[in-house]
Protein backbone atom coordinates (compact mmCIF):
# COMPACT_ATOMS: atom_id res chain seq x y z
CA MET A 1 19.59 -9.24 5.79
CA LEU A 2 16.52 -10.20 7.82
CA ARG A 3 14.22 -7.32 8.59
CA ALA A 4 12.54 -7.92 11.97
CA PRO A 5 8.97 -6.69 12.53
CA THR A 6 8.89 -3.28 14.24
CA VAL A 7 5.19 -2.78 15.02
CA ALA A 8 4.13 -6.31 15.94
CA GLY A 9 2.40 -6.06 19.32
CA GLN A 10 1.48 -2.41 18.57
CA PHE A 11 -0.30 -2.14 15.22
CA TYR A 12 -1.21 -5.83 15.09
CA PRO A 13 -0.85 -8.90 17.40
CA ALA A 14 2.59 -10.31 18.00
CA ASP A 15 1.15 -13.78 18.70
CA PRO A 16 0.95 -15.68 15.41
CA TYR A 17 -2.29 -17.52 16.28
CA GLN A 18 -4.03 -14.31 17.34
CA LEU A 19 -2.70 -12.51 14.27
CA ARG A 20 -3.79 -15.18 11.79
CA SER A 21 -7.25 -15.38 13.39
CA GLN A 22 -7.68 -11.60 13.28
CA VAL A 23 -6.49 -11.35 9.63
CA GLU A 24 -8.69 -14.22 8.52
CA GLY A 25 -11.65 -12.56 10.23
CA PHE A 26 -11.04 -9.33 8.31
CA LEU A 27 -10.55 -11.19 5.02
CA ALA A 28 -13.77 -13.14 5.53
CA ARG A 29 -15.73 -9.90 4.95
CA ALA A 30 -14.55 -9.69 1.35
CA GLU A 31 -16.49 -10.63 -1.75
CA GLU A 32 -15.15 -13.18 -4.28
CA PRO A 33 -11.58 -12.24 -5.24
CA LYS A 34 -10.88 -11.15 -8.79
CA PRO A 35 -7.75 -10.32 -10.84
CA ALA A 36 -6.44 -6.82 -10.23
CA LEU A 37 -3.45 -4.69 -11.06
CA MET A 38 -3.51 -2.60 -7.90
CA ALA A 39 -5.10 -2.26 -4.50
CA MET A 40 -5.07 0.87 -2.33
CA SER A 41 -5.07 -0.24 1.34
CA PRO A 42 -4.75 1.55 4.70
CA HIS A 43 -1.96 1.00 7.19
CA ALA A 44 -3.07 2.04 10.67
CA GLY A 45 -3.44 -0.25 13.66
CA TYR A 46 -5.65 -3.18 12.73
CA VAL A 47 -8.28 -2.19 15.31
CA TYR A 48 -8.89 0.94 13.26
CA SER A 49 -8.11 0.04 9.59
CA GLY A 50 -7.91 -3.74 9.52
CA ALA A 51 -11.49 -4.16 8.42
CA VAL A 52 -10.93 -1.91 5.35
CA ALA A 53 -7.58 -3.54 4.53
CA GLY A 54 -9.00 -7.06 4.84
CA LYS A 55 -12.07 -6.30 2.77
CA THR A 56 -9.86 -4.71 0.06
CA LEU A 57 -7.06 -7.29 -0.07
CA GLY A 58 -9.63 -10.08 0.16
CA ARG A 59 -11.25 -8.77 -3.02
CA VAL A 60 -8.17 -9.27 -5.21
CA GLU A 61 -6.37 -12.38 -6.40
CA VAL A 62 -2.93 -12.25 -4.78
CA PRO A 63 -0.30 -13.67 -7.10
CA ARG A 64 3.12 -14.88 -6.00
CA ARG A 65 4.74 -11.52 -6.78
CA VAL A 66 3.56 -8.38 -4.96
CA ILE A 67 4.99 -4.86 -4.97
CA VAL A 68 4.06 -2.94 -1.80
CA VAL A 69 4.64 0.81 -2.08
CA GLY A 70 4.43 2.96 1.03
CA PRO A 71 5.31 6.45 2.31
CA ASN A 72 8.48 7.12 4.24
CA HIS A 73 7.10 8.47 7.54
CA ARG A 74 10.49 8.80 9.27
CA GLY A 75 12.44 10.36 6.41
CA LEU A 76 15.32 7.89 6.68
CA GLY A 77 17.28 6.71 3.68
CA ALA A 78 16.81 7.33 -0.02
CA PRO A 79 13.77 9.07 -1.53
CA VAL A 80 12.94 5.96 -3.60
CA ALA A 81 14.21 3.03 -1.59
CA ILE A 82 13.99 -0.64 -2.47
CA MET A 83 15.15 -3.66 -0.47
CA SER A 84 16.00 -6.32 -3.00
CA SER A 85 17.62 -9.10 -1.02
CA GLY A 86 17.13 -10.88 2.26
CA ALA A 87 13.75 -11.40 3.90
CA TRP A 88 11.13 -9.80 6.10
CA GLN A 89 9.98 -11.56 9.27
CA THR A 90 6.43 -11.25 10.64
CA PRO A 91 4.79 -13.30 13.39
CA LEU A 92 3.38 -15.47 10.56
CA GLY A 93 6.84 -16.38 9.21
CA ARG A 94 9.52 -15.26 6.81
CA VAL A 95 8.87 -13.60 3.43
CA GLU A 96 11.65 -13.60 0.85
CA MET A 97 12.38 -10.56 -1.27
CA ASP A 98 11.61 -10.92 -5.00
CA GLN A 99 15.18 -10.46 -6.22
CA GLU A 100 14.24 -10.96 -9.88
CA LEU A 101 11.54 -8.29 -9.86
CA CYS A 102 13.59 -5.91 -7.68
CA GLN A 103 16.53 -6.14 -10.17
CA ALA A 104 14.15 -5.52 -13.05
CA ILE A 105 12.87 -2.36 -11.30
CA LEU A 106 16.42 -1.13 -10.59
CA ARG A 107 17.25 -1.56 -14.30
CA ALA A 108 14.05 0.15 -15.47
CA CYS A 109 14.13 3.16 -13.21
CA PRO A 110 17.28 5.08 -12.18
CA LEU A 111 15.36 6.87 -9.44
CA VAL A 112 15.24 3.63 -7.40
CA GLN A 113 18.10 3.06 -4.93
CA GLU A 114 18.99 0.00 -2.90
CA ASP A 115 18.49 1.13 0.72
CA ALA A 116 17.44 -1.05 3.64
CA LEU A 117 17.54 1.86 6.13
CA ALA A 118 14.39 3.47 4.70
CA HIS A 119 12.54 0.19 5.44
CA GLN A 120 13.96 -0.63 8.86
CA TYR A 121 11.32 1.14 10.94
CA GLU A 122 8.64 1.96 8.37
CA HIS A 123 5.24 0.56 9.37
CA SER A 124 3.24 1.43 6.23
CA LEU A 125 4.58 -1.56 4.28
CA GLU A 126 4.94 -3.95 7.24
CA VAL A 127 1.26 -3.92 8.21
CA GLN A 128 0.19 -5.04 4.72
CA VAL A 129 2.40 -8.15 4.78
CA PRO A 130 0.40 -10.42 7.13
CA PHE A 131 -2.69 -9.97 4.95
CA LEU A 132 -0.64 -10.95 1.88
CA GLN A 133 0.93 -13.93 3.69
CA VAL A 134 -2.45 -15.34 4.57
CA ARG A 135 -3.72 -14.83 1.01
CA GLN A 136 -0.58 -16.14 -0.68
CA PRO A 137 1.69 -18.66 1.16
CA GLU A 138 4.31 -18.49 -1.66
CA LEU A 139 4.57 -14.70 -1.42
CA LEU A 140 7.62 -12.91 -2.85
CA LEU A 141 7.83 -9.28 -1.72
CA THR A 142 9.09 -6.17 -3.46
CA PRO A 143 9.01 -3.25 -0.98
CA LEU A 144 9.32 0.38 -2.11
CA CYS A 145 9.42 3.30 0.29
CA LEU A 146 8.88 6.81 -1.12
CA GLY A 147 9.34 10.40 -0.03
CA GLY A 148 9.87 13.87 -1.47
CA LEU A 149 8.90 13.30 -5.12
CA ASP A 150 7.29 15.70 -7.59
CA TYR A 151 4.74 14.53 -10.14
CA ASP A 152 7.26 14.00 -12.94
CA HIS A 153 9.25 11.68 -10.71
CA CYS A 154 6.05 9.80 -9.78
CA GLN A 155 5.31 9.37 -13.49
CA GLU A 156 8.83 8.19 -14.21
CA LEU A 157 8.77 5.70 -11.36
CA GLY A 158 5.29 4.39 -12.32
CA GLN A 159 6.39 3.87 -15.92
CA GLY A 160 9.49 2.05 -14.66
CA LEU A 161 7.42 -0.26 -12.48
CA ALA A 162 5.22 -1.10 -15.42
CA ALA A 163 8.24 -1.82 -17.64
CA ALA A 164 9.66 -4.16 -15.00
CA VAL A 165 6.36 -6.02 -14.63
CA ARG A 166 6.09 -6.42 -18.39
CA GLU A 167 9.63 -7.74 -18.50
CA LEU A 168 8.75 -10.55 -16.09
CA GLY A 169 5.64 -11.50 -18.01
CA GLU A 170 3.58 -12.87 -15.10
CA PRO A 171 0.90 -11.47 -12.78
CA VAL A 172 2.08 -8.86 -10.28
CA LEU A 173 -0.15 -7.07 -7.74
CA MET A 174 0.77 -3.56 -6.62
CA VAL A 175 -0.40 -2.45 -3.17
CA ALA A 176 -0.37 1.30 -2.52
CA SER A 177 -0.34 1.76 1.27
CA THR A 178 -2.04 4.91 2.47
CA ASP A 179 -4.24 6.42 5.11
CA MET A 180 -6.39 9.38 4.20
CA THR A 181 -7.06 12.63 6.12
CA HIS A 182 -5.44 12.80 9.57
CA TYR A 183 -6.85 14.45 12.73
CA GLU A 184 -9.72 16.47 11.38
CA SER A 185 -13.44 16.18 12.12
CA ALA A 186 -15.25 13.25 10.55
CA LYS A 187 -17.22 15.67 8.38
CA SER A 188 -14.10 17.49 7.13
CA ALA A 189 -12.21 14.26 6.57
CA ARG A 190 -14.99 12.69 4.53
CA ARG A 191 -15.34 15.86 2.39
CA LYS A 192 -11.62 16.10 1.71
CA ASP A 193 -11.11 12.39 1.24
CA SER A 194 -13.97 12.21 -1.27
CA LEU A 195 -12.00 14.63 -3.48
CA ALA A 196 -8.91 12.41 -3.48
CA ILE A 197 -10.90 9.16 -3.84
CA ASP A 198 -12.72 10.59 -6.80
CA ARG A 199 -9.41 11.11 -8.65
CA VAL A 200 -8.35 7.55 -7.82
CA LEU A 201 -11.69 6.21 -9.10
CA ASN A 202 -11.24 8.23 -12.27
CA LEU A 203 -7.75 6.72 -12.80
CA ASP A 204 -6.27 10.22 -12.69
CA PRO A 205 -2.85 10.10 -11.00
CA LYS A 206 -1.90 13.66 -11.91
CA GLY A 207 -5.26 14.94 -10.67
CA LEU A 208 -4.78 12.99 -7.43
CA PHE A 209 -1.34 14.50 -6.90
CA HIS A 210 -2.48 18.07 -7.49
CA THR A 211 -5.77 17.70 -5.63
CA VAL A 212 -4.07 16.45 -2.48
CA ARG A 213 -1.49 19.25 -2.64
CA SER A 214 -3.95 22.09 -3.49
CA GLN A 215 -6.66 21.04 -1.03
CA GLY A 216 -4.30 20.37 1.86
CA ILE A 217 -5.36 16.71 2.21
CA SER A 218 -3.12 14.89 4.66
CA MET A 219 -3.14 11.66 2.67
CA CYS A 220 0.21 10.18 3.72
CA GLY A 221 0.43 7.70 0.87
CA MET A 222 -0.43 10.09 -1.95
CA LEU A 223 2.96 9.43 -3.63
CA PRO A 224 2.64 5.62 -3.53
CA THR A 225 -0.94 5.83 -4.83
CA THR A 226 0.03 8.18 -7.65
CA VAL A 227 2.97 5.99 -8.70
CA CYS A 228 0.86 2.80 -8.64
CA LEU A 229 -1.94 4.45 -10.66
CA VAL A 230 0.56 5.52 -13.28
CA ALA A 231 1.89 1.93 -13.45
CA ALA A 232 -1.59 0.40 -13.53
CA LEU A 233 -2.57 2.66 -16.45
CA GLU A 234 0.58 1.69 -18.29
CA LEU A 235 -0.42 -1.94 -17.74
CA GLY A 236 -3.89 -1.43 -19.20
CA ALA A 237 -6.08 -0.56 -16.17
CA GLY A 238 -9.61 0.38 -17.19
CA GLN A 239 -11.63 0.66 -14.00
CA ALA A 240 -11.41 1.36 -10.27
CA GLU A 241 -13.83 0.43 -7.52
CA LEU A 242 -14.19 1.83 -4.00
CA VAL A 243 -14.44 -1.17 -1.66
CA GLU A 244 -15.03 0.77 1.55
CA TYR A 245 -14.43 4.07 3.36
CA ARG A 246 -14.33 4.37 7.11
CA HIS A 247 -12.68 6.51 9.75
CA SER A 248 -11.22 5.94 13.20
CA GLY A 249 -14.09 7.64 15.02
CA GLU A 250 -16.30 4.67 14.14
CA VAL A 251 -14.09 2.64 16.51
CA SER A 252 -12.96 5.25 19.06
CA GLY A 253 -16.20 7.22 19.26
CA ASP A 254 -14.25 10.48 18.76
CA TYR A 255 -15.68 12.20 15.66
CA HIS A 256 -13.75 15.42 16.29
CA GLN A 257 -10.29 14.14 15.31
CA VAL A 258 -10.37 11.13 13.00
CA VAL A 259 -8.15 9.40 10.47
CA GLY A 260 -9.80 8.26 7.24
CA TYR A 261 -9.26 4.85 5.65
CA ALA A 262 -10.16 3.88 2.04
CA GLY A 263 -9.87 0.67 0.10
CA VAL A 264 -9.82 0.75 -3.72
CA VAL A 265 -9.28 -2.00 -6.28
CA VAL A 266 -7.95 -1.10 -9.78
CA SER A 267 -8.23 -3.64 -12.63
């Protein structure tokens, strides 16, 4: 199955030359890339979050194999949905699914189900792919779309991802796709988002899960971030760094209702 792009021309340019130029411009803001286990990257329209995504994904070495984990905004398909065969098309070209890694994940974690429907219209994973394509021309993609999990399920899934990565025995980058607080004032968003970011920087997935829930933080990719943090810790993560925090009001000029964007690298 070939998954066609669904938000090209909306969240990012549909023209391949314009898209590559824009992505390369965002990536050029990054410091020297370094090995990492995980990156937390936003997924809004590039005009709003592209600078944070580019600075973050430009800071990490992007190996051939990348797992992108995003929230299921539409509620379609399985709660933990993987697409293990076929390819994804973007304006920059075709990306093959990493069948070997996908099968290792399916073996390691019974929660994961083969389900292309969950991915068909989901933008949170799609918008990460052009950045990864520019950074790694030989990219193999493992997409996971999540919804409706409790913390124990997040822990089980994260441990399964780590087991699958260890089984392959080569570098794998995990990208947790998330925006932060939605449609609150810039002051409120920054206050709430700092609570969640603090838990990420402290490598505290359980604390992140419960902080977001108890403080009413509308961080749409809390589940993907929690899962990837669990996996990163299983794989030996020892530090996390905030690359950048911004919000949509810095582009739109509207500071009354903003969406927050954070980039974090875990190594």
